PDB file of N, CA and C in Angstrom:
ATOM      1  N   MET A   1     -31.175  34.633  18.711  1.00  0.00           N
ATOM      2  CA  MET A   1     -30.000  34.395  17.785  1.00  0.00           C
ATOM      3  C   MET A   1     -28.822  34.180  18.684  1.00  0.00           C
ATOM      4  N   PRO A   2     -27.771  33.317  18.281  1.00  0.00           N
ATOM      5  CA  PRO A   2     -26.632  32.952  19.091  1.00  0.00           C
ATOM      6  C   PRO A   2     -25.585  34.046  18.903  1.00  0.00           C
ATOM      7  N   PRO A   3     -24.793  34.248  19.744  1.00  0.00           N
ATOM      8  CA  PRO A   3     -23.849  35.258  19.756  1.00  0.00           C
ATOM      9  C   PRO A   3     -22.847  35.146  18.759  1.00  0.00           C
ATOM     10  N   PRO A   4     -22.461  36.341  18.013  1.00  0.00           N
ATOM     11  CA  PRO A   4     -21.370  35.969  16.817  1.00  0.00           C
ATOM     12  C   PRO A   4     -20.230  35.391  17.133  1.00  0.00           C
ATOM     13  N   GLY A   5     -19.644  35.522  18.471  1.00  0.00           N
ATOM     14  CA  GLY A   5     -18.599  34.631  18.782  1.00  0.00           C
ATOM     15  C   GLY A   5     -18.675  33.263  18.603  1.00  0.00           C
ATOM     16  N   LEU A   6     -19.874  32.549  19.137  1.00  0.00           N
ATOM     17  CA  LEU A   6     -20.167  31.279  18.821  1.00  0.00           C
ATOM     18  C   LEU A   6     -20.230  30.842  17.371  1.00  0.00           C
ATOM     19  N   ILE A   7     -20.785  31.521  16.398  1.00  0.00           N
ATOM     20  CA  ILE A   7     -21.095  31.351  15.117  1.00  0.00           C
ATOM     21  C   ILE A   7     -19.773  31.234  14.622  1.00  0.00           C
ATOM     22  N   GLY A   8     -18.827  32.265  14.970  1.00  0.00           N
ATOM     23  CA  GLY A   8     -17.572  32.271  14.302  1.00  0.00           C
ATOM     24  C   GLY A   8     -16.574  30.966  14.861  1.00  0.00           C
ATOM     25  N   PHE A   9     -16.776  30.684  16.108  1.00  0.00           N
ATOM     26  CA  PHE A   9     -16.214  29.524  16.793  1.00  0.00           C
ATOM     27  C   PHE A   9     -16.606  28.105  16.024  1.00  0.00           C
ATOM     28  N   LEU A  10     -17.981  28.055  15.640  1.00  0.00           N
ATOM     29  CA  LEU A  10     -18.482  26.800  15.022  1.00  0.00           C
ATOM     30  C   LEU A  10     -17.808  26.760  13.490  1.00  0.00           C
ATOM     31  N   VAL A  11     -17.842  27.847  12.946  1.00  0.00           N
ATOM     32  CA  VAL A  11     -17.267  28.006  11.552  1.00  0.00           C
ATOM     33  C   VAL A  11     -15.897  27.617  11.707  1.00  0.00           C
ATOM     34  N   LEU A  12     -15.237  28.179  12.521  1.00  0.00           N
ATOM     35  CA  LEU A  12     -13.596  27.867  12.622  1.00  0.00           C
ATOM     36  C   LEU A  12     -13.452  26.255  12.868  1.00  0.00           C
ATOM     37  N   LEU A  13     -14.291  25.864  13.720  1.00  0.00           N
ATOM     38  CA  LEU A  13     -14.199  24.384  14.020  1.00  0.00           C
ATOM     39  C   LEU A  13     -14.631  23.344  12.805  1.00  0.00           C
ATOM     40  N   VAL A  14     -15.574  23.842  11.973  1.00  0.00           N
ATOM     41  CA  VAL A  14     -15.908  23.098  10.864  1.00  0.00           C
ATOM     42  C   VAL A  14     -14.805  23.169   9.811  1.00  0.00           C
ATOM     43  N   SER A  15     -14.386  24.297   9.464  1.00  0.00           N
ATOM     44  CA  SER A  15     -13.512  24.474   8.465  1.00  0.00           C
ATOM     45  C   SER A  15     -12.094  23.723   8.931  1.00  0.00           C
ATOM     46  N   MET A  16     -11.658  23.663  10.197  1.00  0.00           N
ATOM     47  CA  MET A  16     -10.523  22.962  10.635  1.00  0.00           C
ATOM     48  C   MET A  16     -10.714  21.430  10.286  1.00  0.00           C
ATOM     49  N   PHE A  17     -11.986  20.909  10.776  1.00  0.00           N
ATOM     50  CA  PHE A  17     -12.114  19.452  10.531  1.00  0.00           C
ATOM     51  C   PHE A  17     -12.102  19.254   9.028  1.00  0.00           C
ATOM     52  N   ALA A  18     -12.617  20.068   8.174  1.00  0.00           N
ATOM     53  CA  ALA A  18     -12.716  19.881   6.715  1.00  0.00           C
ATOM     54  C   ALA A  18     -11.284  19.860   6.233  1.00  0.00           C
ATOM     55  N   VAL A  19     -10.463  20.797   6.443  1.00  0.00           N
ATOM     56  CA  VAL A  19      -9.041  20.993   6.101  1.00  0.00           C
ATOM     57  C   VAL A  19      -8.311  19.747   6.568  1.00  0.00           C
ATOM     58  N   SER A  20      -8.475  19.241   7.831  1.00  0.00           N
ATOM     59  CA  SER A  20      -7.632  18.172   8.443  1.00  0.00           C
ATOM     60  C   SER A  20      -8.132  16.775   7.651  1.00  0.00           C
ATOM     61  N   TYR A  21      -9.451  16.664   7.261  1.00  0.00           N
ATOM     62  CA  TYR A  21      -9.803  15.440   6.652  1.00  0.00           C
ATOM     63  C   TYR A  21      -9.494  15.612   5.226  1.00  0.00           C
ATOM     64  N   LYS A  22      -9.285  16.612   4.360  1.00  0.00           N
ATOM     65  CA  LYS A  22      -8.686  16.716   3.144  1.00  0.00           C
ATOM     66  C   LYS A  22      -7.382  16.480   2.993  1.00  0.00           C
ATOM     67  N   ILE A  23      -6.535  16.936   4.150  1.00  0.00           N
ATOM     68  CA  ILE A  23      -5.070  16.557   4.178  1.00  0.00           C
ATOM     69  C   ILE A  23      -4.930  15.248   4.315  1.00  0.00           C
ATOM     70  N   GLY A  24      -5.743  14.542   5.239  1.00  0.00           N
ATOM     71  CA  GLY A  24      -5.361  13.135   5.464  1.00  0.00           C
ATOM     72  C   GLY A  24      -5.864  12.272   4.380  1.00  0.00           C
ATOM     73  N   ASP A  25      -6.783  12.702   3.496  1.00  0.00           N
ATOM     74  CA  ASP A  25      -7.306  12.226   2.526  1.00  0.00           C
ATOM     75  C   ASP A  25      -5.970  12.281   1.280  1.00  0.00           C
ATOM     76  N   VAL A  26      -5.306  13.346   1.216  1.00  0.00           N
ATOM     77  CA  VAL A  26      -4.257  13.611   0.006  1.00  0.00           C
ATOM     78  C   VAL A  26      -3.176  12.837   0.661  1.00  0.00           C
ATOM     79  N   VAL A  27      -2.708  12.951   1.862  1.00  0.00           N
ATOM     80  CA  VAL A  27      -1.595  12.094   2.378  1.00  0.00           C
ATOM     81  C   VAL A  27      -1.797  10.753   2.358  1.00  0.00           C
ATOM     82  N   GLY A  28      -2.924   9.935   2.665  1.00  0.00           N
ATOM     83  CA  GLY A  28      -3.025   8.580   2.654  1.00  0.00           C
ATOM     84  C   GLY A  28      -2.654   7.851   3.869  1.00  0.00           C
ATOM     85  N   PRO A  29      -2.177   6.739   3.734  1.00  0.00           N
ATOM     86  CA  PRO A  29      -2.070   5.793   4.863  1.00  0.00           C
ATOM     87  C   PRO A  29      -0.998   6.243   5.936  1.00  0.00           C
ATOM     88  N   VAL A  30      -1.170   6.172   7.071  1.00  0.00           N
ATOM     89  CA  VAL A  30       0.240   6.620   7.857  1.00  0.00           C
ATOM     90  C   VAL A  30       1.248   5.543   8.017  1.00  0.00           C
ATOM     91  N   ALA A  31       0.941   4.152   7.576  1.00  0.00           N
ATOM     92  CA  ALA A  31       2.011   3.337   7.734  1.00  0.00           C
ATOM     93  C   ALA A  31       1.796   2.401   6.431  1.00  0.00           C
ATOM     94  N   PRO A  32       3.036   1.778   6.163  1.00  0.00           N
ATOM     95  CA  PRO A  32       2.905   0.935   4.880  1.00  0.00           C
ATOM     96  C   PRO A  32       2.090  -0.223   5.100  1.00  0.00           C
ATOM     97  N   GLY A  33       1.154  -0.647   4.360  1.00  0.00           N
ATOM     98  CA  GLY A  33       0.525  -1.659   4.134  1.00  0.00           C
ATOM     99  C   GLY A  33      -0.929  -1.514   4.864  1.00  0.00           C
ATOM    100  N   MET A  34      -1.237  -0.318   5.299  1.00  0.00           N
ATOM    101  CA  MET A  34      -2.498  -0.025   5.661  1.00  0.00           C
ATOM    102  C   MET A  34      -3.394   0.193   4.737  1.00  0.00           C
ATOM    103  N   HIS A  35      -4.762   0.108   4.932  1.00  0.00           N
ATOM    104  CA  HIS A  35      -5.712  -0.003   3.782  1.00  0.00           C
ATOM    105  C   HIS A  35      -6.980   0.104   4.384  1.00  0.00           C
ATOM    106  N   SER A  36      -7.978   0.583   3.577  1.00  0.00           N
ATOM    107  CA  SER A  36      -9.332   0.730   4.015  1.00  0.00           C
ATOM    108  C   SER A  36     -10.058  -0.601   4.428  1.00  0.00           C
ATOM    109  N   THR A  37     -10.711  -0.640   5.515  1.00  0.00           N
ATOM    110  CA  THR A  37     -11.413  -1.899   5.881  1.00  0.00           C
ATOM    111  C   THR A  37     -12.397  -2.299   5.103  1.00  0.00           C
ATOM    112  N   GLY A  38     -12.917  -1.141   4.080  1.00  0.00           N
ATOM    113  CA  GLY A  38     -14.176  -1.322   3.372  1.00  0.00           C
ATOM    114  C   GLY A  38     -15.582  -1.067   4.049  1.00  0.00           C
ATOM    115  N   THR A  39     -16.536  -1.352   3.342  1.00  0.00           N
ATOM    116  CA  THR A  39     -17.846  -1.103   3.866  1.00  0.00           C
ATOM    117  C   THR A  39     -18.504  -2.387   4.731  1.00  0.00           C
ATOM    118  N   GLY A  40     -18.009  -3.472   4.429  1.00  0.00           N
ATOM    119  CA  GLY A  40     -18.791  -4.624   4.731  1.00  0.00           C
ATOM    120  C   GLY A  40     -18.220  -5.437   6.171  1.00  0.00           C
ATOM    121  N   GLY A  41     -19.114  -6.183   6.731  1.00  0.00           N
ATOM    122  CA  GLY A  41     -18.489  -6.803   8.000  1.00  0.00           C
ATOM    123  C   GLY A  41     -18.119  -6.105   9.180  1.00  0.00           C
ATOM    124  N   GLY A  42     -18.000  -6.808  10.270  1.00  0.00           N
ATOM    125  CA  GLY A  42     -17.471  -5.842  11.333  1.00  0.00           C
ATOM    126  C   GLY A  42     -16.155  -6.427  11.900  1.00  0.00           C
ATOM    127  N   GLY A  43     -15.890  -7.889  11.348  1.00  0.00           N
ATOM    128  CA  GLY A  43     -14.695  -8.426  11.941  1.00  0.00           C
ATOM    129  C   GLY A  43     -13.550  -7.935  11.330  1.00  0.00           C
ATOM    130  N   GLN A  44     -12.399  -8.401  11.796  1.00  0.00           N
ATOM    131  CA  GLN A  44     -10.889  -7.804  11.477  1.00  0.00           C
ATOM    132  C   GLN A  44     -10.320  -9.023  10.545  1.00  0.00           C
ATOM    133  N   SER A  45      -9.772  -8.618   9.419  1.00  0.00           N
ATOM    134  CA  SER A  45      -9.029  -9.617   8.612  1.00  0.00           C
ATOM    135  C   SER A  45      -7.611  -9.333   8.625  1.00  0.00           C
ATOM    136  N   ASP A  46      -6.867 -10.574   8.664  1.00  0.00           N
ATOM    137  CA  ASP A  46      -5.481 -10.394   8.836  1.00  0.00           C
ATOM    138  C   ASP A  46      -4.661 -10.632   7.711  1.00  0.00           C
ATOM    139  N   PRO A  47      -4.102  -9.916   6.895  1.00  0.00           N
ATOM    140  CA  PRO A  47      -3.686 -10.020   5.604  1.00  0.00           C
ATOM    141  C   PRO A  47      -2.509 -10.996   5.400  1.00  0.00           C
ATOM    142  N   HIS A  48      -1.866 -11.024   6.491  1.00  0.00           N
ATOM    143  CA  HIS A  48      -0.885 -12.078   6.693  1.00  0.00           C
ATOM    144  C   HIS A  48      -1.025 -13.518   7.278  1.00  0.00           C
ATOM    145  N   GLY A  49      -2.297 -13.817   7.390  1.00  0.00           N
ATOM    146  CA  GLY A  49      -2.392 -15.181   7.569  1.00  0.00           C
ATOM    147  C   GLY A  49      -2.708 -15.342   9.201  1.00  0.00           C
ATOM    148  N   ASP A  50      -2.480 -16.528   9.545  1.00  0.00           N
ATOM    149  CA  ASP A  50      -2.591 -16.657  11.225  1.00  0.00           C
ATOM    150  C   ASP A  50      -1.219 -16.250  11.970  1.00  0.00           C
ATOM    151  N   MET A  51      -1.251 -15.415  12.720  1.00  0.00           N
ATOM    152  CA  MET A  51      -0.044 -14.791  13.358  1.00  0.00           C
ATOM    153  C   MET A  51       0.043 -15.263  14.734  1.00  0.00           C
ATOM    154  N   GLY A  52      -0.377 -16.709  15.014  1.00  0.00           N
ATOM    155  CA  GLY A  52      -0.052 -17.268  16.170  1.00  0.00           C
ATOM    156  C   GLY A  52       1.212 -17.475  16.763  1.00  0.00           C
ATOM    157  N   ASP A  53       2.069 -17.505  15.844  1.00  0.00           N
ATOM    158  CA  ASP A  53       3.445 -17.754  16.408  1.00  0.00           C
ATOM    159  C   ASP A  53       4.296 -16.607  16.842  1.00  0.00           C
ATOM    160  N   MET A  54       3.596 -15.607  16.878  1.00  0.00           N
ATOM    161  CA  MET A  54       4.411 -14.470  17.315  1.00  0.00           C
ATOM    162  C   MET A  54       4.763 -14.467  18.954  1.00  0.00           C
ATOM    163  N   HIS A  55       3.913 -15.296  19.766  1.00  0.00           N
ATOM    164  CA  HIS A  55       4.288 -15.378  21.060  1.00  0.00           C
ATOM    165  C   HIS A  55       4.690 -16.834  21.217  1.00  0.00           C
ATOM    166  N   SER A  56       6.017 -17.052  21.038  1.00  0.00           N
ATOM    167  CA  SER A  56       6.603 -18.425  21.056  1.00  0.00           C
ATOM    168  C   SER A  56       6.565 -18.931  22.439  1.00  0.00           C
ATOM    169  N   SER A  57       6.017 -20.225  22.742  1.00  0.00           N
ATOM    170  CA  SER A  57       6.197 -20.552  24.181  1.00  0.00           C
ATOM    171  C   SER A  57       7.592 -21.508  24.432  1.00  0.00           C
ATOM    172  N   ASP A  58       8.378 -21.176  23.464  1.00  0.00           N
ATOM    173  CA  ASP A  58       9.873 -21.627  23.769  1.00  0.00           C
ATOM    174  C   ASP A  58      10.674 -20.975  24.715  1.00  0.00           C
ATOM    175  N   ALA A  59      10.241 -19.532  24.882  1.00  0.00           N
ATOM    176  CA  ALA A  59      11.137 -18.689  25.825  1.00  0.00           C
ATOM    177  C   ALA A  59      11.073 -19.196  26.949  1.00  0.00           C
ATOM    178  N   GLY A  60      12.108 -19.786  27.612  1.00  0.00           N
ATOM    179  CA  GLY A  60      12.343 -20.225  28.772  1.00  0.00           C
ATOM    180  C   GLY A  60      12.165 -20.493  30.117  1.00  0.00           C
TER     181      GLY A  60
END
C-alpha cells in the first residue's frame, strides 16, 4: 500500500487540476476573438482571411 503522504499529494494534485479547469471554463477565453477549434480536422483556420500582407516587402 502506498504511503498516506503520496495519496494525499495525488488527491491535492487532482483537486487542483479540477478547480483550475473549472475556473478556466467559467472565465472563458483569454483574449477577444478566441474560440474553440472544434473537434474536426487538424489544420488551422484563419477567421480574418489571408493575412499575407502583414509583412510588407515595401519596407526599405
